[in-house]
């Protein structure tokens, strides 16, 4: 139930923020929030992360559906029944579903969070992307700590 609740919250926030950007920005528009560091923008990404597979929307839709199905069917083989892993699964499902809805509805994903670090300009992203990245990052970190803990216990 927790997985579903978190997934729905992420999906709702993702779709709400994307709709707000589409309704209040002109495509390509950028508005500084913290000058030289953080902008809100309205861009369309028809690829995956960093515009990989741009123009291959049907492939990205099929991959998204496959990943959702695999996550749900095989979740017990890579996730423990820990509270934190249920949260991570909810983040992943909500994030994937949010971008999948955009791809099906529009053929592209709305991105609007835009950061710069000095001369480096990070690719724009959205709530769904954030949820997916946070979930994957925390999954890797928790597994590294768990393996270290298991190794220490085995000694």
C-alpha atoms as a PDB file:
ATOM      1  CA  UNK A   1       0.000   0.000   0.000  1.00  0.00           C
ATOM      2  CA  UNK A   2       2.887   2.365   0.814  1.00  0.00           C
ATOM      3  CA  UNK A   3       4.416   1.765  -2.622  1.00  0.00           C
ATOM      4  CA  UNK A   4       1.147   2.667  -4.333  1.00  0.00           C
ATOM      5  CA  UNK A   5       0.631   5.762  -2.181  1.00  0.00           C
ATOM      6  CA  UNK A   6       4.130   7.114  -2.839  1.00  0.00           C
ATOM      7  CA  UNK A   7       3.893   6.263  -6.524  1.00  0.00           C
ATOM      8  CA  UNK A   8       0.602   8.155  -6.810  1.00  0.00           C
ATOM      9  CA  UNK A   9       1.956  11.164  -4.894  1.00  0.00           C
ATOM     10  CA  UNK A  10       4.987  11.383  -7.202  1.00  0.00           C
ATOM     11  CA  UNK A  11       2.799  10.920 -10.272  1.00  0.00           C
ATOM     12  CA  UNK A  12       0.410  13.657  -9.106  1.00  0.00           C
ATOM     13  CA  UNK A  13       3.214  16.126  -8.254  1.00  0.00           C
ATOM     14  CA  UNK A  14       4.975  15.392 -11.524  1.00  0.00           C
ATOM     15  CA  UNK A  15       1.897  15.917 -13.685  1.00  0.00           C
ATOM     16  CA  UNK A  16       0.798  18.979 -11.694  1.00  0.00           C
ATOM     17  CA  UNK A  17       4.162  20.729 -12.029  1.00  0.00           C
ATOM     18  CA  UNK A  18       4.498  19.884 -15.722  1.00  0.00           C
ATOM     19  CA  UNK A  19       0.992  21.195 -16.410  1.00  0.00           C
ATOM     20  CA  UNK A  20       1.796  24.394 -14.521  1.00  0.00           C
ATOM     21  CA  UNK A  21       4.885  24.928 -16.670  1.00  0.00           C
ATOM     22  CA  UNK A  22       3.026  24.235 -19.920  1.00  0.00           C
ATOM     23  CA  UNK A  23       0.250  26.638 -18.869  1.00  0.00           C
ATOM     24  CA  UNK A  24       2.472  29.481 -17.646  1.00  0.00           C
ATOM     25  CA  UNK A  25       5.551  29.396 -19.872  1.00  0.00           C
ATOM     26  CA  UNK A  26       6.123  29.829 -23.555  1.00  0.00           C
ATOM     27  CA  UNK A  27       8.052  26.899 -25.022  1.00  0.00           C
ATOM     28  CA  UNK A  28      11.768  27.658 -24.675  1.00  0.00           C
ATOM     29  CA  UNK A  29      11.221  30.349 -22.042  1.00  0.00           C
ATOM     30  CA  UNK A  30      13.587  30.566 -19.072  1.00  0.00           C
ATOM     31  CA  UNK A  31      12.995  32.439 -15.816  1.00  0.00           C
ATOM     32  CA  UNK A  32      15.829  32.852 -13.318  1.00  0.00           C
ATOM     33  CA  UNK A  33      15.091  31.830  -9.743  1.00  0.00           C
ATOM     34  CA  UNK A  34      18.650  32.109  -8.411  1.00  0.00           C
ATOM     35  CA  UNK A  35      20.594  34.099 -10.991  1.00  0.00           C
ATOM     36  CA  UNK A  36      23.435  32.097 -12.539  1.00  0.00           C
ATOM     37  CA  UNK A  37      22.490  28.905 -10.659  1.00  0.00           C
ATOM     38  CA  UNK A  38      18.823  27.864 -10.959  1.00  0.00           C
ATOM     39  CA  UNK A  39      16.204  28.634 -13.613  1.00  0.00           C
ATOM     40  CA  UNK A  40      12.709  27.433 -14.376  1.00  0.00           C
ATOM     41  CA  UNK A  41      12.439  26.653 -18.075  1.00  0.00           C
ATOM     42  CA  UNK A  42      10.030  25.026 -20.472  1.00  0.00           C
ATOM     43  CA  UNK A  43      11.770  22.471 -22.650  1.00  0.00           C
ATOM     44  CA  UNK A  44      10.610  19.297 -24.333  1.00  0.00           C
ATOM     45  CA  UNK A  45      12.705  16.161 -24.281  1.00  0.00           C
ATOM     46  CA  UNK A  46      11.762  13.503 -26.813  1.00  0.00           C
ATOM     47  CA  UNK A  47      14.613  11.264 -25.645  1.00  0.00           C
ATOM     48  CA  UNK A  48      15.592   9.674 -22.365  1.00  0.00           C
ATOM     49  CA  UNK A  49      18.120  11.086 -19.894  1.00  0.00           C
ATOM     50  CA  UNK A  50      20.376  13.665 -21.555  1.00  0.00           C
ATOM     51  CA  UNK A  51      18.256  13.255 -24.696  1.00  0.00           C
ATOM     52  CA  UNK A  52      19.562   9.734 -25.359  1.00  0.00           C
ATOM     53  CA  UNK A  53      17.420   7.946 -27.984  1.00  0.00           C
ATOM     54  CA  UNK A  54      15.920  11.223 -29.146  1.00  0.00           C
ATOM     55  CA  UNK A  55      13.239  10.613 -31.753  1.00  0.00           C
ATOM     56  CA  UNK A  56      12.649   7.012 -30.653  1.00  0.00           C
ATOM     57  CA  UNK A  57       9.507   7.619 -28.611  1.00  0.00           C
ATOM     58  CA  UNK A  58       7.880   4.246 -29.232  1.00  0.00           C
ATOM     59  CA  UNK A  59      11.014   2.459 -28.003  1.00  0.00           C
ATOM     60  CA  UNK A  60      11.073   4.618 -24.871  1.00  0.00           C
ATOM     61  CA  UNK A  61       7.387   3.921 -24.251  1.00  0.00           C
ATOM     62  CA  UNK A  62       7.928   0.170 -24.604  1.00  0.00           C
ATOM     63  CA  UNK A  63      11.009   0.253 -22.363  1.00  0.00           C
ATOM     64  CA  UNK A  64       9.100   2.239 -19.718  1.00  0.00           C
ATOM     65  CA  UNK A  65       6.197  -0.213 -19.738  1.00  0.00           C
ATOM     66  CA  UNK A  66       8.598  -3.166 -19.589  1.00  0.00           C
ATOM     67  CA  UNK A  67      10.528  -1.667 -16.670  1.00  0.00           C
ATOM     68  CA  UNK A  68       7.296  -0.977 -14.768  1.00  0.00           C
ATOM     69  CA  UNK A  69       6.133  -4.559 -15.293  1.00  0.00           C
ATOM     70  CA  UNK A  70       9.542  -5.977 -14.332  1.00  0.00           C
ATOM     71  CA  UNK A  71       9.720  -3.813 -11.203  1.00  0.00           C
ATOM     72  CA  UNK A  72       6.327  -5.022 -10.081  1.00  0.00           C
ATOM     73  CA  UNK A  73       6.791  -8.690 -10.966  1.00  0.00           C
ATOM     74  CA  UNK A  74      10.386  -9.129  -9.743  1.00  0.00           C
ATOM     75  CA  UNK A  75      10.516  -6.579  -6.902  1.00  0.00           C
ATOM     76  CA  UNK A  76      11.027  -9.258  -4.262  1.00  0.00           C
ATOM     77  CA  UNK A  77      14.165 -10.559  -5.971  1.00  0.00           C
ATOM     78  CA  UNK A  78      16.050  -7.260  -5.670  1.00  0.00           C
ATOM     79  CA  UNK A  79      14.237  -5.409  -2.863  1.00  0.00           C
ATOM     80  CA  UNK A  80      14.004  -6.476   0.739  1.00  0.00           C
ATOM     81  CA  UNK A  81      10.800  -5.942   2.705  1.00  0.00           C
ATOM     82  CA  UNK A  82      12.342  -2.883   4.332  1.00  0.00           C
ATOM     83  CA  UNK A  83      10.390   0.307   4.769  1.00  0.00           C
ATOM     84  CA  UNK A  84      13.060   2.226   2.825  1.00  0.00           C
ATOM     85  CA  UNK A  85      12.913  -0.173  -0.135  1.00  0.00           C
ATOM     86  CA  UNK A  86       9.140   0.223  -0.383  1.00  0.00           C
ATOM     87  CA  UNK A  87       9.638   3.994  -0.517  1.00  0.00           C
ATOM     88  CA  UNK A  88      12.278   3.589  -3.234  1.00  0.00           C
ATOM     89  CA  UNK A  89       9.987   1.365  -5.295  1.00  0.00           C
ATOM     90  CA  UNK A  90       7.193   3.935  -4.988  1.00  0.00           C
ATOM     91  CA  UNK A  91       9.549   6.696  -6.165  1.00  0.00           C
ATOM     92  CA  UNK A  92      10.613   4.603  -9.157  1.00  0.00           C
ATOM     93  CA  UNK A  93       7.102   3.625 -10.169  1.00  0.00           C
ATOM     94  CA  UNK A  94       5.752   7.168  -9.805  1.00  0.00           C
ATOM     95  CA  UNK A  95       8.663   8.643 -11.742  1.00  0.00           C
ATOM     96  CA  UNK A  96       8.517   6.154 -14.586  1.00  0.00           C
ATOM     97  CA  UNK A  97       4.731   6.495 -14.833  1.00  0.00           C
ATOM     98  CA  UNK A  98       4.954  10.306 -14.874  1.00  0.00           C
ATOM     99  CA  UNK A  99       7.314  10.405 -17.820  1.00  0.00           C
ATOM    100  CA  UNK A 100       5.443   7.578 -19.549  1.00  0.00           C
ATOM    101  CA  UNK A 101       2.207   9.572 -19.445  1.00  0.00           C
ATOM    102  CA  UNK A 102       3.961  12.538 -21.107  1.00  0.00           C
ATOM    103  CA  UNK A 103       5.446  10.322 -23.815  1.00  0.00           C
ATOM    104  CA  UNK A 104       2.063   8.790 -24.604  1.00  0.00           C
ATOM    105  CA  UNK A 105       0.141  12.105 -24.489  1.00  0.00           C
ATOM    106  CA  UNK A 106       2.622  14.400 -26.227  1.00  0.00           C
ATOM    107  CA  UNK A 107       5.470  12.343 -27.682  1.00  0.00           C
ATOM    108  CA  UNK A 108       7.907  14.164 -25.386  1.00  0.00           C
ATOM    109  CA  UNK A 109       8.524  14.859 -21.705  1.00  0.00           C
ATOM    110  CA  UNK A 110       8.203  18.322 -20.164  1.00  0.00           C
ATOM    111  CA  UNK A 111      11.390  19.345 -18.342  1.00  0.00           C
ATOM    112  CA  UNK A 112      11.624  22.543 -16.315  1.00  0.00           C
ATOM    113  CA  UNK A 113      14.269  22.385 -13.575  1.00  0.00           C
ATOM    114  CA  UNK A 114      17.494  23.902 -14.898  1.00  0.00           C
ATOM    115  CA  UNK A 115      20.769  24.197 -12.949  1.00  0.00           C
ATOM    116  CA  UNK A 116      24.150  25.707 -13.730  1.00  0.00           C
ATOM    117  CA  UNK A 117      27.366  25.109 -11.807  1.00  0.00           C
ATOM    118  CA  UNK A 118      29.836  27.715 -13.008  1.00  0.00           C
ATOM    119  CA  UNK A 119      30.309  27.061 -16.705  1.00  0.00           C
ATOM    120  CA  UNK A 120      28.628  23.628 -16.499  1.00  0.00           C
ATOM    121  CA  UNK A 121      24.967  23.626 -17.508  1.00  0.00           C
ATOM    122  CA  UNK A 122      23.180  20.511 -16.241  1.00  0.00           C
ATOM    123  CA  UNK A 123      20.458  19.135 -18.549  1.00  0.00           C
ATOM    124  CA  UNK A 124      16.944  20.198 -17.533  1.00  0.00           C
ATOM    125  CA  UNK A 125      14.809  17.666 -15.689  1.00  0.00           C
ATOM    126  CA  UNK A 126      11.485  17.268 -13.850  1.00  0.00           C
ATOM    127  CA  UNK A 127       9.901  15.751 -10.723  1.00  0.00           C
ATOM    128  CA  UNK A 128       9.686  12.269 -12.291  1.00  0.00           C
ATOM    129  CA  UNK A 129      13.373  12.329 -13.239  1.00  0.00           C
ATOM    130  CA  UNK A 130      14.248  13.462  -9.716  1.00  0.00           C
ATOM    131  CA  UNK A 131      12.243  10.642  -8.126  1.00  0.00           C
ATOM    132  CA  UNK A 132      13.882   8.028 -10.365  1.00  0.00           C
ATOM    133  CA  UNK A 133      17.413   9.323  -9.721  1.00  0.00           C
ATOM    134  CA  UNK A 134      16.885   9.618  -5.972  1.00  0.00           C
ATOM    135  CA  UNK A 135      15.468   6.085  -5.828  1.00  0.00           C
ATOM    136  CA  UNK A 136      18.303   4.542  -7.837  1.00  0.00           C
ATOM    137  CA  UNK A 137      20.954   6.493  -5.921  1.00  0.00           C
ATOM    138  CA  UNK A 138      19.550   5.552  -2.515  1.00  0.00           C
ATOM    139  CA  UNK A 139      19.134   1.930  -3.605  1.00  0.00           C
ATOM    140  CA  UNK A 140      22.814   1.740  -4.548  1.00  0.00           C
ATOM    141  CA  UNK A 141      23.888   3.459  -1.316  1.00  0.00           C
ATOM    142  CA  UNK A 142      21.714   1.277   0.941  1.00  0.00           C
ATOM    143  CA  UNK A 143      22.969  -1.874  -0.761  1.00  0.00           C
ATOM    144  CA  UNK A 144      26.591  -0.796  -0.376  1.00  0.00           C
ATOM    145  CA  UNK A 145      26.072  -0.172   3.348  1.00  0.00           C
ATOM    146  CA  UNK A 146      24.163  -3.428   3.720  1.00  0.00           C
ATOM    147  CA  UNK A 147      26.959  -5.413   2.042  1.00  0.00           C
ATOM    148  CA  UNK A 148      29.566  -3.716   4.259  1.00  0.00           C
ATOM    149  CA  UNK A 149      27.442  -4.514   7.304  1.00  0.00           C
ATOM    150  CA  UNK A 150      27.140  -8.155   6.224  1.00  0.00           C
ATOM    151  CA  UNK A 151      30.903  -8.367   5.675  1.00  0.00           C
ATOM    152  CA  UNK A 152      31.575  -6.860   9.101  1.00  0.00           C
ATOM    153  CA  UNK A 153      29.118  -9.266  10.731  1.00  0.00           C
ATOM    154  CA  UNK A 154      30.721 -12.250   8.965  1.00  0.00           C
ATOM    155  CA  UNK A 155      34.163 -11.419  10.411  1.00  0.00           C
END
